[in-house]
Protein backbone atom coordinates (compact mmCIF):
# COMPACT_ATOMS: atom_id res chain seq x y z
CA MET A 1 0.00 0.00 0.00
CA THR A 2 1.46 3.36 -0.97
CA HIS A 3 1.33 6.37 1.27
CA MET A 4 -1.48 7.90 -0.79
CA GLU A 5 -3.47 4.72 -0.53
CA MET A 6 -2.98 4.62 3.25
CA LYS A 7 -4.37 8.11 3.78
CA GLN A 8 -7.52 7.26 1.84
CA TYR A 9 -7.76 3.87 3.55
CA LEU A 10 -7.75 5.55 6.96
CA ILE A 11 -10.44 8.02 5.91
CA ASP A 12 -12.57 5.23 4.42
CA THR A 13 -12.16 3.09 7.53
CA PHE A 14 -13.15 5.92 9.88
CA LYS A 15 -16.19 6.59 7.68
CA PHE A 16 -17.18 2.91 7.68
CA ASN A 17 -16.90 2.77 11.47
CA ASP A 18 -18.94 5.95 11.72
CA VAL A 19 -21.86 4.46 9.79
CA ALA A 20 -21.67 1.15 11.67
CA ASN A 21 -21.36 2.78 15.09
CA ARG A 22 -24.30 5.09 14.41
CA LYS A 23 -26.44 2.03 13.59
CA VAL A 24 -25.41 0.45 16.87
CA LEU A 25 -26.11 3.67 18.75
CA GLU A 26 -29.69 3.67 17.46
CA LYS A 27 -30.12 0.15 18.93
CA ILE A 28 -28.54 1.19 22.23
CA LYS A 29 -31.34 3.76 22.59
CA LEU A 30 -33.87 0.90 22.48
CA LEU A 31 -32.21 -1.36 25.06
CA PRO A 32 -34.00 -2.07 28.32
CA ASP A 33 -30.62 -1.97 30.14
CA LYS A 34 -28.35 0.52 28.41
CA ILE A 35 -25.58 0.85 31.03
CA GLU A 36 -22.91 -1.52 29.67
CA ALA A 37 -23.48 -0.56 26.03
CA ILE A 38 -23.22 3.13 26.92
CA LYS A 39 -19.94 2.45 28.76
CA LEU A 40 -18.49 0.66 25.73
CA PHE A 41 -19.63 3.31 23.26
CA SER A 42 -18.32 6.07 25.55
CA HIS A 43 -14.99 4.23 25.71
CA LEU A 44 -14.68 4.43 21.91
CA ILE A 45 -15.20 8.18 22.08
CA THR A 46 -12.81 8.64 24.99
CA CYS A 47 -10.11 6.66 23.18
CA GLN A 48 -10.40 8.88 20.11
CA TYR A 49 -10.07 11.99 22.28
CA ARG A 50 -7.17 10.59 24.30
CA TRP A 51 -5.19 9.33 21.33
CA MET A 52 -5.61 12.66 19.55
CA ALA A 53 -4.45 14.54 22.63
CA GLY A 54 -1.38 12.29 22.63
CA VAL A 55 -0.73 12.78 18.92
CA MET A 56 -1.01 16.55 19.37
CA GLN A 57 1.26 16.27 22.44
CA GLU A 58 -1.26 18.09 24.61
CA GLU A 59 -0.42 18.27 28.29
CA LYS A 60 -3.92 17.06 29.23
CA ALA A 61 -3.16 13.68 27.64
CA LYS A 62 -1.24 12.75 30.79
CA THR A 63 -4.38 12.99 32.94
CA MET A 64 -6.98 11.64 30.52
CA THR A 65 -8.40 8.17 31.08
CA TRP A 66 -9.41 5.53 28.54
CA CYS A 67 -12.78 4.73 30.07
CA GLU A 68 -14.15 7.74 31.90
CA PRO A 69 -16.49 9.37 31.84
CA PRO A 70 -19.34 7.34 30.41
CA TYR A 71 -21.32 9.98 28.58
CA PRO A 72 -25.08 10.39 29.01
CA LEU A 73 -27.03 8.65 26.25
CA ASP A 74 -28.25 11.94 24.81
CA GLU A 75 -24.63 13.14 24.37
CA LEU A 76 -23.21 10.05 22.65
CA GLU A 77 -24.10 11.04 19.10
CA ASN A 78 -22.54 14.51 19.35
CA LYS A 79 -19.48 13.33 21.27
CA TRP A 80 -18.95 10.56 18.71
CA ALA A 81 -19.21 13.03 15.83
CA ASP A 82 -16.81 15.44 17.53
CA SER A 83 -14.18 12.79 18.30
CA LEU A 84 -14.45 11.41 14.78
CA MET A 85 -14.04 14.84 13.17
CA LEU A 86 -10.82 15.36 15.13
CA TRP A 87 -9.35 12.35 13.35
CA LEU A 88 -10.78 13.05 9.91
CA ASN A 89 -9.57 16.65 10.07
CA TYR A 90 -6.15 15.52 11.24
CA ILE A 91 -5.76 12.96 8.46
CA ASN A 92 -7.02 15.41 5.84
CA THR A 93 -4.64 18.19 6.91
CA VAL A 94 -1.35 16.39 7.57
CA GLU A 95 1.04 15.47 4.82
CA GLU A 96 0.96 11.83 3.88
CA THR A 97 4.50 11.30 5.12
CA GLU A 98 3.54 12.59 8.58
CA LEU A 99 1.25 9.59 9.03
CA PHE A 100 4.30 7.33 8.68
CA ALA A 101 6.66 9.32 10.93
CA GLU A 102 6.95 8.15 14.53
CA ILE A 103 5.74 10.54 17.19
CA ASN A 104 6.21 10.45 20.94
CA PHE A 105 3.15 10.26 23.15
CA VAL A 106 2.18 9.69 26.76
CA GLY A 107 1.28 6.04 27.24
CA TRP A 108 -1.24 4.25 29.38
CA SER A 109 1.37 3.37 31.97
CA SER A 110 4.40 5.24 33.20
CA GLY A 111 6.73 6.57 30.55
CA ASP A 112 6.55 7.82 27.04
CA PHE A 113 6.09 5.79 23.89
CA ALA A 114 6.47 6.24 20.15
CA ALA A 115 4.19 5.14 17.32
CA LYS A 116 3.21 6.18 13.82
CA PRO A 117 -0.05 8.14 13.57
CA LYS A 118 -1.29 5.72 10.90
CA ASP A 119 -0.92 2.87 13.41
CA ILE A 120 -2.80 4.81 16.07
CA ALA A 121 -5.59 5.51 13.57
CA LEU A 122 -5.69 1.83 12.62
CA GLN A 123 -5.82 0.90 16.30
CA LEU A 124 -8.80 3.18 16.85
CA ASN A 125 -10.68 1.65 13.95
CA TYR A 126 -9.91 -1.96 14.81
CA HIS A 127 -10.69 -1.24 18.47
CA SER A 128 -14.05 0.14 17.36
CA ILE A 129 -14.84 -3.11 15.56
CA HIS A 130 -13.98 -5.08 18.70
CA HIS A 131 -16.23 -3.09 21.02
CA ARG A 132 -19.00 -2.80 18.46
CA ALA A 133 -19.13 -6.61 18.42
CA GLN A 134 -19.49 -6.58 22.20
CA ILE A 135 -22.34 -4.09 21.96
CA GLN A 136 -23.99 -6.19 19.24
CA THR A 137 -23.88 -9.15 21.65
CA ILE A 138 -25.53 -7.04 24.38
CA ILE A 139 -28.23 -6.01 21.90
CA ARG A 140 -28.90 -9.64 21.00
CA GLN A 141 -28.87 -10.76 24.67
CA GLN A 142 -31.54 -8.18 25.45
CA GLY A 143 -33.85 -9.57 22.80
CA LEU A 144 -33.32 -7.08 19.99
CA LYS A 145 -32.07 -7.92 16.51
CA PRO A 146 -28.80 -6.10 15.77
CA ASP A 147 -28.53 -4.26 12.47
CA SER A 148 -25.97 -5.59 10.03
CA VAL A 149 -22.72 -3.72 10.38
CA GLU A 150 -20.75 -5.89 7.98
CA TYR A 151 -18.33 -3.97 5.79
CA ILE A 152 -19.23 -5.84 2.62
CA ASN A 153 -22.91 -4.91 2.95
CA SER A 154 -22.04 -1.35 2.02
CA ASN A 155 -19.62 -2.35 -0.73
CA TYR A 156 -21.32 -4.78 -3.03
CA ARG A 157 -23.99 -4.59 -5.67
CA LYS A 158 -26.44 -7.17 -6.86
CA LEU A 159 -26.15 -8.13 -10.47
CA THR A 160 -29.39 -8.57 -12.32
CA LEU A 161 -29.94 -11.91 -13.99
């Protein structure tokens, strides 16, 4: 994959996760017991904020958590959109080569770490898939039918016979 292809891949992957996560969020609103699903969805938002603070080398990154706070249900959609736009704006404005250049950031334990922004963006997207699957399980366990959030469902076309 060339650098130009990676930049577009990251944008496409964030956009796919956006559509899929918004479908899941609509189901969360219907759950009889929303607590665990809200925590997981909030965690996805918090991770996007925290990783961006680290990428931007903001001082607040040192005190941010990965899991707190769980946002109120009525704030999830806006917080999700805000955290997503941070990443889409970042990817759209940096030079392609910057995505492949290691940066230092404050880690989740003591000490500093280094990683490439493209790998952090990939982590966020793959992490989203992981927790979305957990939320889909919660939806199913509470008697609702989860919406399809399969990637291929938005990327194929039926051929007429």
